[in-house]
């Protein structure tokens, strides 16, 4: 992947969202613990540092990055933030 210049490039190329199921929200916190989360996946530590810097510069607080397979995943939490970042993704895949 060439050097992405913006958060939008990272979101478009390799990210996925986890959003609550509206039908299950009434089950309560004890039974259903799922909030808004966008996971942005990068391959190297260099990309990880660059992405975190871009997020912080945009005043978006990233969650703690974690390894998944041989990649890094940077979570971003919060309904408003996730909704805003999802505007950068294409609408190609819907279930």
Protein backbone atom coordinates (compact mmCIF):
# COMPACT_ATOMS: atom_id res chain seq x y z
CA UNK A 1 0.00 0.00 0.00
CA UNK A 2 1.36 3.42 -0.90
CA UNK A 3 1.68 6.00 1.86
CA UNK A 4 -1.89 7.02 2.70
CA UNK A 5 -2.18 10.76 3.03
CA UNK A 6 -5.30 10.88 5.17
CA UNK A 7 -7.55 9.03 7.58
CA UNK A 8 -10.00 8.60 4.70
CA UNK A 9 -7.41 6.56 2.78
CA UNK A 10 -6.97 4.18 5.71
CA UNK A 11 -10.73 3.87 6.27
CA UNK A 12 -11.42 3.20 2.58
CA UNK A 13 -8.64 0.65 2.10
CA UNK A 14 -8.89 -1.59 5.15
CA UNK A 15 -11.44 -1.07 7.90
CA UNK A 16 -14.64 -2.59 9.19
CA UNK A 17 -17.38 -1.38 11.50
CA UNK A 18 -19.07 -3.05 14.42
CA UNK A 19 -22.40 -1.44 15.23
CA UNK A 20 -25.13 -2.45 17.67
CA UNK A 21 -28.11 -4.46 16.53
CA UNK A 22 -31.09 -2.20 17.24
CA UNK A 23 -33.33 -5.22 17.90
CA UNK A 24 -31.11 -6.41 20.76
CA UNK A 25 -30.50 -3.10 22.54
CA UNK A 26 -33.54 -3.57 24.78
CA UNK A 27 -31.94 -6.72 26.29
CA UNK A 28 -29.93 -4.48 28.60
CA UNK A 29 -26.23 -4.11 29.31
CA UNK A 30 -25.91 -7.43 31.16
CA UNK A 31 -27.03 -9.44 28.11
CA UNK A 32 -25.82 -7.36 25.15
CA UNK A 33 -22.61 -5.36 25.37
CA UNK A 34 -21.96 -3.91 21.95
CA UNK A 35 -21.32 -0.31 21.04
CA UNK A 36 -20.13 1.57 18.00
CA UNK A 37 -16.62 0.62 16.90
CA UNK A 38 -14.61 1.12 13.72
CA UNK A 39 -11.54 -1.08 13.33
CA UNK A 40 -8.84 0.21 11.01
CA UNK A 41 -6.29 -2.43 9.97
CA UNK A 42 -2.67 -1.61 9.08
CA UNK A 43 0.23 -3.90 8.21
CA UNK A 44 3.30 -2.29 9.80
CA UNK A 45 4.32 -0.41 12.94
CA UNK A 46 5.17 2.57 10.74
CA UNK A 47 1.59 2.68 9.40
CA UNK A 48 0.31 2.21 12.95
CA UNK A 49 2.24 5.25 14.17
CA UNK A 50 1.19 7.31 11.15
CA UNK A 51 -2.50 6.42 11.57
CA UNK A 52 -2.48 7.17 15.31
CA UNK A 53 -0.85 10.56 14.60
CA UNK A 54 -3.49 11.37 11.95
CA UNK A 55 -6.30 10.42 14.33
CA UNK A 56 -4.87 12.48 17.19
CA UNK A 57 -4.30 15.47 14.89
CA UNK A 58 -7.99 15.23 13.93
CA UNK A 59 -8.88 15.16 17.66
CA UNK A 60 -10.08 11.55 17.43
CA UNK A 61 -8.93 9.44 20.36
CA UNK A 62 -7.96 5.97 19.08
CA UNK A 63 -8.33 2.93 21.29
CA UNK A 64 -5.48 0.64 22.23
CA UNK A 65 -4.05 -1.01 19.12
CA UNK A 66 -3.83 -4.81 19.09
CA UNK A 67 -2.32 -7.50 16.89
CA UNK A 68 -4.57 -9.66 14.77
CA UNK A 69 -2.75 -12.25 12.69
CA UNK A 70 0.24 -10.34 11.32
CA UNK A 71 -1.48 -6.97 11.24
CA UNK A 72 -2.31 -4.16 13.65
CA UNK A 73 -5.88 -3.12 14.41
CA UNK A 74 -6.64 0.39 15.68
CA UNK A 75 -10.15 0.68 17.15
CA UNK A 76 -12.10 3.93 17.23
CA UNK A 77 -15.12 4.11 19.53
CA UNK A 78 -18.23 6.26 19.78
CA UNK A 79 -21.37 6.65 17.71
CA UNK A 80 -20.62 10.16 16.42
CA UNK A 81 -16.99 9.39 15.52
CA UNK A 82 -17.75 6.05 13.85
CA UNK A 83 -20.66 7.54 11.88
CA UNK A 84 -18.46 10.38 10.65
CA UNK A 85 -15.60 8.07 9.61
CA UNK A 86 -17.95 5.64 7.85
CA UNK A 87 -18.82 8.40 5.38
CA UNK A 88 -15.43 7.68 3.78
CA UNK A 89 -16.25 4.03 3.06
CA UNK A 90 -17.99 2.86 -0.09
CA UNK A 91 -21.48 1.44 0.24
CA UNK A 92 -20.60 -1.72 -1.71
CA UNK A 93 -21.23 -4.41 0.94
CA UNK A 94 -24.53 -4.63 2.80
CA UNK A 95 -26.10 -7.73 4.32
